[in-house]
């Protein structure tokens, strides 16, 4: 076992989607932030915005094959309060709420599915 202990256990998240335009619009509406489209690599991807992009933990969506509905990993995305407004944006934009609001010491979140069936959480 190494003595290495990273600053953050998670360093990046990738969400596979079947329709980049639809997914980009969905996530931009839910998190109220435009995802920056990058096309300089072998595949296009759209990056979630962060205040400090060089040091923030973030992620992106990319053309890929999502896991079967609700079975893949769950990425939690930060949204502005009130959480209930973000929940409404999920359903208004083709997503699904799959849990009630869950309160923990760090805040409140709810589990959701995006239009491709990817599991994600919104956290405020």
C-alpha atoms as a PDB file:
ATOM      1  CA  UNK A   1       0.000   0.000   0.000  1.00  0.00           C
ATOM      2  CA  UNK A   2       1.334   3.398  -1.002  1.00  0.00           C
ATOM      3  CA  UNK A   3       1.568   6.372   1.353  1.00  0.00           C
ATOM      4  CA  UNK A   4       0.219   8.574  -1.440  1.00  0.00           C
ATOM      5  CA  UNK A   5      -2.970  10.368  -0.448  1.00  0.00           C
ATOM      6  CA  UNK A   6      -4.428  12.545  -3.218  1.00  0.00           C
ATOM      7  CA  UNK A   7      -6.056  15.911  -2.631  1.00  0.00           C
ATOM      8  CA  UNK A   8      -9.228  14.546  -4.257  1.00  0.00           C
ATOM      9  CA  UNK A   9     -10.123  10.903  -4.801  1.00  0.00           C
ATOM     10  CA  UNK A  10     -12.085  11.739  -7.961  1.00  0.00           C
ATOM     11  CA  UNK A  11     -10.310  13.861 -10.559  1.00  0.00           C
ATOM     12  CA  UNK A  12     -12.657  13.833 -13.560  1.00  0.00           C
ATOM     13  CA  UNK A  13     -16.032  12.464 -14.679  1.00  0.00           C
ATOM     14  CA  UNK A  14     -17.204  11.416 -18.140  1.00  0.00           C
ATOM     15  CA  UNK A  15     -20.852  10.890 -19.044  1.00  0.00           C
ATOM     16  CA  UNK A  16     -21.563   8.971 -22.279  1.00  0.00           C
ATOM     17  CA  UNK A  17     -24.481  10.294 -24.326  1.00  0.00           C
ATOM     18  CA  UNK A  18     -26.163   9.246 -27.565  1.00  0.00           C
ATOM     19  CA  UNK A  19     -27.055  12.744 -28.799  1.00  0.00           C
ATOM     20  CA  UNK A  20     -24.514  15.481 -28.012  1.00  0.00           C
ATOM     21  CA  UNK A  21     -26.786  18.398 -28.892  1.00  0.00           C
ATOM     22  CA  UNK A  22     -29.667  17.078 -26.787  1.00  0.00           C
ATOM     23  CA  UNK A  23     -27.409  16.190 -23.841  1.00  0.00           C
ATOM     24  CA  UNK A  24     -25.567  19.498 -23.979  1.00  0.00           C
ATOM     25  CA  UNK A  25     -28.860  21.396 -23.921  1.00  0.00           C
ATOM     26  CA  UNK A  26     -30.220  19.173 -21.111  1.00  0.00           C
ATOM     27  CA  UNK A  27     -27.231  19.552 -18.791  1.00  0.00           C
ATOM     28  CA  UNK A  28     -26.834  23.268 -19.557  1.00  0.00           C
ATOM     29  CA  UNK A  29     -30.478  23.824 -18.575  1.00  0.00           C
ATOM     30  CA  UNK A  30     -30.236  21.712 -15.407  1.00  0.00           C
ATOM     31  CA  UNK A  31     -26.983  23.187 -14.051  1.00  0.00           C
ATOM     32  CA  UNK A  32     -27.680  26.621 -15.595  1.00  0.00           C
ATOM     33  CA  UNK A  33     -24.287  26.810 -17.208  1.00  0.00           C
ATOM     34  CA  UNK A  34     -23.222  26.306 -20.800  1.00  0.00           C
ATOM     35  CA  UNK A  35     -21.059  23.289 -21.507  1.00  0.00           C
ATOM     36  CA  UNK A  36     -18.062  24.314 -23.611  1.00  0.00           C
ATOM     37  CA  UNK A  37     -17.874  22.246 -26.800  1.00  0.00           C
ATOM     38  CA  UNK A  38     -14.350  20.998 -27.572  1.00  0.00           C
ATOM     39  CA  UNK A  39     -13.597  19.446 -30.950  1.00  0.00           C
ATOM     40  CA  UNK A  40      -9.793  19.408 -30.966  1.00  0.00           C
ATOM     41  CA  UNK A  41      -9.366  15.764 -29.964  1.00  0.00           C
ATOM     42  CA  UNK A  42     -10.291  12.487 -31.602  1.00  0.00           C
ATOM     43  CA  UNK A  43     -13.911  12.899 -30.441  1.00  0.00           C
ATOM     44  CA  UNK A  44     -16.007  15.935 -29.572  1.00  0.00           C
ATOM     45  CA  UNK A  45     -16.861  16.503 -25.923  1.00  0.00           C
ATOM     46  CA  UNK A  46     -18.555  19.244 -23.907  1.00  0.00           C
ATOM     47  CA  UNK A  47     -17.017  20.327 -20.603  1.00  0.00           C
ATOM     48  CA  UNK A  48     -18.953  21.342 -17.495  1.00  0.00           C
ATOM     49  CA  UNK A  49     -17.919  24.879 -16.515  1.00  0.00           C
ATOM     50  CA  UNK A  50     -16.204  25.584 -13.195  1.00  0.00           C
ATOM     51  CA  UNK A  51     -15.054  28.768 -11.500  1.00  0.00           C
ATOM     52  CA  UNK A  52     -11.397  27.680 -11.455  1.00  0.00           C
ATOM     53  CA  UNK A  53     -11.089  25.390 -14.504  1.00  0.00           C
ATOM     54  CA  UNK A  54      -7.392  24.595 -14.028  1.00  0.00           C
ATOM     55  CA  UNK A  55      -7.818  23.346 -10.444  1.00  0.00           C
ATOM     56  CA  UNK A  56     -11.485  22.321 -10.270  1.00  0.00           C
ATOM     57  CA  UNK A  57     -12.808  18.800 -10.367  1.00  0.00           C
ATOM     58  CA  UNK A  58     -15.163  18.735 -13.323  1.00  0.00           C
ATOM     59  CA  UNK A  59     -16.084  16.505 -16.215  1.00  0.00           C
ATOM     60  CA  UNK A  60     -17.662  16.308 -19.610  1.00  0.00           C
ATOM     61  CA  UNK A  61     -20.218  14.601 -21.812  1.00  0.00           C
ATOM     62  CA  UNK A  62     -19.070  12.705 -24.888  1.00  0.00           C
ATOM     63  CA  UNK A  63     -20.546  10.564 -27.667  1.00  0.00           C
ATOM     64  CA  UNK A  64     -20.649   7.090 -26.208  1.00  0.00           C
ATOM     65  CA  UNK A  65     -22.758   4.154 -25.130  1.00  0.00           C
ATOM     66  CA  UNK A  66     -24.522   4.751 -21.802  1.00  0.00           C
ATOM     67  CA  UNK A  67     -24.911   1.845 -19.386  1.00  0.00           C
ATOM     68  CA  UNK A  68     -28.384   0.320 -19.255  1.00  0.00           C
ATOM     69  CA  UNK A  69     -30.911   2.741 -17.767  1.00  0.00           C
ATOM     70  CA  UNK A  70     -29.974   3.691 -14.201  1.00  0.00           C
ATOM     71  CA  UNK A  71     -27.209   1.108 -13.792  1.00  0.00           C
ATOM     72  CA  UNK A  72     -23.998   3.059 -14.397  1.00  0.00           C
ATOM     73  CA  UNK A  73     -22.004   5.197 -11.972  1.00  0.00           C
ATOM     74  CA  UNK A  74     -23.674   8.264 -10.495  1.00  0.00           C
ATOM     75  CA  UNK A  75     -22.066  11.670 -10.969  1.00  0.00           C
ATOM     76  CA  UNK A  76     -23.295  14.438  -8.649  1.00  0.00           C
ATOM     77  CA  UNK A  77     -23.502  17.913 -10.182  1.00  0.00           C
ATOM     78  CA  UNK A  78     -23.572  21.177  -8.275  1.00  0.00           C
ATOM     79  CA  UNK A  79     -26.627  23.401  -8.775  1.00  0.00           C
ATOM     80  CA  UNK A  80     -27.648  26.720  -7.289  1.00  0.00           C
ATOM     81  CA  UNK A  81     -30.221  26.684  -4.510  1.00  0.00           C
ATOM     82  CA  UNK A  82     -33.086  26.138  -4.236  1.00  0.00           C
ATOM     83  CA  UNK A  83     -32.713  22.474  -5.141  1.00  0.00           C
ATOM     84  CA  UNK A  84     -36.427  22.311  -5.997  1.00  0.00           C
ATOM     85  CA  UNK A  85     -35.881  24.686  -8.947  1.00  0.00           C
ATOM     86  CA  UNK A  86     -33.176  22.408 -10.358  1.00  0.00           C
ATOM     87  CA  UNK A  87     -35.480  19.418  -9.883  1.00  0.00           C
ATOM     88  CA  UNK A  88     -38.088  21.171 -12.014  1.00  0.00           C
ATOM     89  CA  UNK A  89     -35.478  21.849 -14.708  1.00  0.00           C
ATOM     90  CA  UNK A  90     -34.645  18.134 -14.795  1.00  0.00           C
ATOM     91  CA  UNK A  91     -38.233  17.139 -15.563  1.00  0.00           C
ATOM     92  CA  UNK A  92     -38.896  20.136 -17.832  1.00  0.00           C
ATOM     93  CA  UNK A  93     -35.971  19.067 -20.027  1.00  0.00           C
ATOM     94  CA  UNK A  94     -36.703  15.366 -20.421  1.00  0.00           C
ATOM     95  CA  UNK A  95     -35.016  13.896 -17.356  1.00  0.00           C
ATOM     96  CA  UNK A  96     -36.516  11.961 -14.477  1.00  0.00           C
ATOM     97  CA  UNK A  97     -36.345  12.303 -10.696  1.00  0.00           C
ATOM     98  CA  UNK A  98     -35.800   8.918  -9.035  1.00  0.00           C
ATOM     99  CA  UNK A  99     -35.570   9.824  -5.352  1.00  0.00           C
ATOM    100  CA  UNK A 100     -36.946  12.306  -2.897  1.00  0.00           C
ATOM    101  CA  UNK A 101     -34.638  15.019  -1.580  1.00  0.00           C
ATOM    102  CA  UNK A 102     -31.951  13.494   0.634  1.00  0.00           C
ATOM    103  CA  UNK A 103     -30.404  15.669   3.341  1.00  0.00           C
ATOM    104  CA  UNK A 104     -26.894  15.020   4.631  1.00  0.00           C
ATOM    105  CA  UNK A 105     -24.606  17.266   6.708  1.00  0.00           C
ATOM    106  CA  UNK A 106     -22.937  18.632   3.550  1.00  0.00           C
ATOM    107  CA  UNK A 107     -26.204  19.658   1.854  1.00  0.00           C
ATOM    108  CA  UNK A 108     -29.195  18.272  -0.032  1.00  0.00           C
ATOM    109  CA  UNK A 109     -29.358  16.203  -3.216  1.00  0.00           C
ATOM    110  CA  UNK A 110     -31.680  14.129  -5.358  1.00  0.00           C
ATOM    111  CA  UNK A 111     -30.985  11.211  -7.706  1.00  0.00           C
ATOM    112  CA  UNK A 112     -32.034  11.656 -11.349  1.00  0.00           C
ATOM    113  CA  UNK A 113     -31.800  10.086 -14.803  1.00  0.00           C
ATOM    114  CA  UNK A 114     -30.867  12.048 -17.908  1.00  0.00           C
ATOM    115  CA  UNK A 115     -32.614  11.444 -21.283  1.00  0.00           C
ATOM    116  CA  UNK A 116     -30.127   8.620 -22.008  1.00  0.00           C
ATOM    117  CA  UNK A 117     -30.844   6.909 -18.678  1.00  0.00           C
ATOM    118  CA  UNK A 118     -27.531   7.963 -17.088  1.00  0.00           C
ATOM    119  CA  UNK A 119     -27.754   8.194 -13.313  1.00  0.00           C
ATOM    120  CA  UNK A 120     -26.759  11.573 -11.888  1.00  0.00           C
ATOM    121  CA  UNK A 121     -27.416  13.603  -8.786  1.00  0.00           C
ATOM    122  CA  UNK A 122     -28.051  17.295  -8.371  1.00  0.00           C
ATOM    123  CA  UNK A 123     -26.552  18.720  -5.193  1.00  0.00           C
ATOM    124  CA  UNK A 124     -27.170  22.117  -3.582  1.00  0.00           C
END
